[in-house]
Amino acid sequence: MQIAYTSPIGLEVSKGDWEGAEWTITGNARKERTIKEFDSAYEFEEFIQEKINCKAIVFDSEYCQFFAYAKTKARAVKFAKDIEKYFDKVRETMNKLL
């Protein structure tokens, strides 16, 4: 498996090692980076779908692990970084309020 990107949020982008594999974004969101505790990967997925541009992303999460797929490495990495940026802004806003 070829890892293309490791996100501080707890997600990893990698290329599958089977024929026809797409790029996978998978992992578990870390509360210290997201501020919010998600009860399951399904809850995280639903939250992400509301907040992040998910064009060209296909979701396939399981209860205990987030899974999403993109056709290209660039789109998968951008998606992971978009999630990071969203939560960075949330933390920044919360810090300003304290």
C-alpha atoms as a PDB file:
ATOM      1  CA  MET A   1       0.000   0.000   0.000  1.00  0.00           C
ATOM      2  CA  GLN A   2       1.353   3.394  -1.031  1.00  0.00           C
ATOM      3  CA  ILE A   3       0.680   6.123   1.571  1.00  0.00           C
ATOM      4  CA  ALA A   4       0.414   9.517  -0.073  1.00  0.00           C
ATOM      5  CA  TYR A   5      -0.512  11.685   2.895  1.00  0.00           C
ATOM      6  CA  THR A   6      -0.978  11.409   6.649  1.00  0.00           C
ATOM      7  CA  SER A   7      -3.239  14.001   8.193  1.00  0.00           C
ATOM      8  CA  PRO A   8      -2.813  15.258  11.768  1.00  0.00           C
ATOM      9  CA  ILE A   9      -6.589  14.850  12.104  1.00  0.00           C
ATOM     10  CA  GLY A  10      -6.174  11.074  12.021  1.00  0.00           C
ATOM     11  CA  LEU A  11      -6.832  10.350   8.357  1.00  0.00           C
ATOM     12  CA  GLU A  12      -4.536   8.716   5.842  1.00  0.00           C
ATOM     13  CA  VAL A  13      -4.613   8.835   2.055  1.00  0.00           C
ATOM     14  CA  SER A  14      -3.329   5.743   0.301  1.00  0.00           C
ATOM     15  CA  LYS A  15      -3.482   3.913  -2.997  1.00  0.00           C
ATOM     16  CA  GLY A  16      -5.033   0.478  -2.796  1.00  0.00           C
ATOM     17  CA  ASP A  17      -2.852  -2.445  -3.805  1.00  0.00           C
ATOM     18  CA  TRP A  18      -5.521  -4.335  -5.733  1.00  0.00           C
ATOM     19  CA  GLU A  19      -6.327  -4.053  -9.428  1.00  0.00           C
ATOM     20  CA  GLY A  20      -8.449  -1.012 -10.214  1.00  0.00           C
ATOM     21  CA  ALA A  21      -7.993   0.429  -6.732  1.00  0.00           C
ATOM     22  CA  GLU A  22      -8.796   4.063  -6.230  1.00  0.00           C
ATOM     23  CA  TRP A  23      -7.335   6.407  -3.651  1.00  0.00           C
ATOM     24  CA  THR A  24      -8.651   5.843  -0.151  1.00  0.00           C
ATOM     25  CA  ILE A  25      -9.085   8.334   2.673  1.00  0.00           C
ATOM     26  CA  THR A  26      -9.455   6.414   5.913  1.00  0.00           C
ATOM     27  CA  GLY A  27      -8.924   6.624   9.640  1.00  0.00           C
ATOM     28  CA  ASN A  28     -10.509   7.970  12.791  1.00  0.00           C
ATOM     29  CA  ALA A  29     -10.852  11.640  13.613  1.00  0.00           C
ATOM     30  CA  ARG A  30      -8.909  12.715  16.700  1.00  0.00           C
ATOM     31  CA  LYS A  31     -10.996  14.728  19.151  1.00  0.00           C
ATOM     32  CA  GLU A  32      -8.063  16.984  20.044  1.00  0.00           C
ATOM     33  CA  ARG A  33      -8.003  18.097  16.386  1.00  0.00           C
ATOM     34  CA  THR A  34     -11.744  18.162  15.667  1.00  0.00           C
ATOM     35  CA  ILE A  35     -12.891  19.584  19.039  1.00  0.00           C
ATOM     36  CA  LYS A  36     -16.007  17.415  18.755  1.00  0.00           C
ATOM     37  CA  GLU A  37     -16.208  13.768  19.766  1.00  0.00           C
ATOM     38  CA  PHE A  38     -17.946  11.687  17.112  1.00  0.00           C
ATOM     39  CA  ASP A  39     -19.815   8.618  18.348  1.00  0.00           C
ATOM     40  CA  SER A  40     -19.042   6.691  15.162  1.00  0.00           C
ATOM     41  CA  ALA A  41     -17.431   7.000  11.760  1.00  0.00           C
ATOM     42  CA  TYR A  42     -20.951   7.322  10.353  1.00  0.00           C
ATOM     43  CA  GLU A  43     -21.505  10.451  12.440  1.00  0.00           C
ATOM     44  CA  PHE A  44     -18.156  11.888  11.293  1.00  0.00           C
ATOM     45  CA  GLU A  45     -19.045  11.108   7.665  1.00  0.00           C
ATOM     46  CA  GLU A  46     -22.423  12.855   7.942  1.00  0.00           C
ATOM     47  CA  PHE A  47     -20.787  15.889   9.543  1.00  0.00           C
ATOM     48  CA  ILE A  48     -18.147  16.068   6.811  1.00  0.00           C
ATOM     49  CA  GLN A  49     -20.786  15.793   4.087  1.00  0.00           C
ATOM     50  CA  GLU A  50     -22.507  18.880   5.522  1.00  0.00           C
ATOM     51  CA  LYS A  51     -19.346  20.994   5.935  1.00  0.00           C
ATOM     52  CA  ILE A  52     -16.857  20.012   3.210  1.00  0.00           C
ATOM     53  CA  ASN A  53     -17.011  19.954  -0.597  1.00  0.00           C
ATOM     54  CA  CYS A  54     -17.477  16.259  -1.343  1.00  0.00           C
ATOM     55  CA  LYS A  55     -17.606  16.464  -5.132  1.00  0.00           C
ATOM     56  CA  ALA A  56     -16.021  13.337  -6.670  1.00  0.00           C
ATOM     57  CA  ILE A  57     -15.812  11.612  -3.260  1.00  0.00           C
ATOM     58  CA  VAL A  58     -17.570   8.302  -2.577  1.00  0.00           C
ATOM     59  CA  PHE A  59     -18.189   7.291   1.030  1.00  0.00           C
ATOM     60  CA  ASP A  60     -18.127   3.774   2.453  1.00  0.00           C
ATOM     61  CA  SER A  61     -17.578   4.170   6.189  1.00  0.00           C
ATOM     62  CA  GLU A  62     -18.003   1.430   8.711  1.00  0.00           C
ATOM     63  CA  TYR A  63     -19.154   2.074  12.271  1.00  0.00           C
ATOM     64  CA  CYS A  64     -15.618   2.121  13.668  1.00  0.00           C
ATOM     65  CA  GLN A  65     -13.627   3.577  10.739  1.00  0.00           C
ATOM     66  CA  PHE A  66     -14.112   6.354   8.205  1.00  0.00           C
ATOM     67  CA  PHE A  67     -13.687   5.406   4.527  1.00  0.00           C
ATOM     68  CA  ALA A  68     -13.969   7.601   1.447  1.00  0.00           C
ATOM     69  CA  TYR A  69     -12.639   7.155  -2.069  1.00  0.00           C
ATOM     70  CA  ALA A  70     -11.440   9.446  -4.842  1.00  0.00           C
ATOM     71  CA  LYS A  71     -10.348   8.608  -8.369  1.00  0.00           C
ATOM     72  CA  THR A  72      -7.118  10.613  -8.143  1.00  0.00           C
ATOM     73  CA  LYS A  73      -4.400  11.148  -5.588  1.00  0.00           C
ATOM     74  CA  ALA A  74      -4.743  14.930  -5.920  1.00  0.00           C
ATOM     75  CA  ARG A  75      -8.469  14.862  -5.099  1.00  0.00           C
ATOM     76  CA  ALA A  76      -7.996  12.507  -2.152  1.00  0.00           C
ATOM     77  CA  VAL A  77      -5.224  14.634  -0.625  1.00  0.00           C
ATOM     78  CA  LYS A  78      -7.180  17.849  -1.222  1.00  0.00           C
ATOM     79  CA  PHE A  79     -10.233  16.341   0.480  1.00  0.00           C
ATOM     80  CA  ALA A  80      -8.181  15.347   3.544  1.00  0.00           C
ATOM     81  CA  LYS A  81      -6.599  18.816   3.677  1.00  0.00           C
ATOM     82  CA  ASP A  82     -10.015  20.484   3.308  1.00  0.00           C
ATOM     83  CA  ILE A  83     -11.187  18.554   6.378  1.00  0.00           C
ATOM     84  CA  GLU A  84      -8.084  19.714   8.289  1.00  0.00           C
ATOM     85  CA  LYS A  85      -8.622  23.344   7.249  1.00  0.00           C
ATOM     86  CA  TYR A  86     -12.236  23.259   8.377  1.00  0.00           C
ATOM     87  CA  PHE A  87     -11.330  22.015  11.851  1.00  0.00           C
ATOM     88  CA  ASP A  88      -8.345  24.395  12.063  1.00  0.00           C
ATOM     89  CA  LYS A  89     -10.788  27.273  11.517  1.00  0.00           C
ATOM     90  CA  VAL A  90     -13.142  25.889  14.172  1.00  0.00           C
ATOM     91  CA  ARG A  91     -10.290  25.672  16.711  1.00  0.00           C
ATOM     92  CA  GLU A  92      -9.080  29.159  15.782  1.00  0.00           C
ATOM     93  CA  THR A  93     -12.576  30.598  16.266  1.00  0.00           C
ATOM     94  CA  MET A  94     -12.984  28.831  19.609  1.00  0.00           C
ATOM     95  CA  ASN A  95      -9.600  30.113  20.822  1.00  0.00           C
ATOM     96  CA  LYS A  96     -10.604  33.670  19.962  1.00  0.00           C
ATOM     97  CA  LEU A  97     -13.733  33.287  22.059  1.00  0.00           C
ATOM     98  CA  LEU A  98     -11.800  32.153  25.143  1.00  0.00           C
END
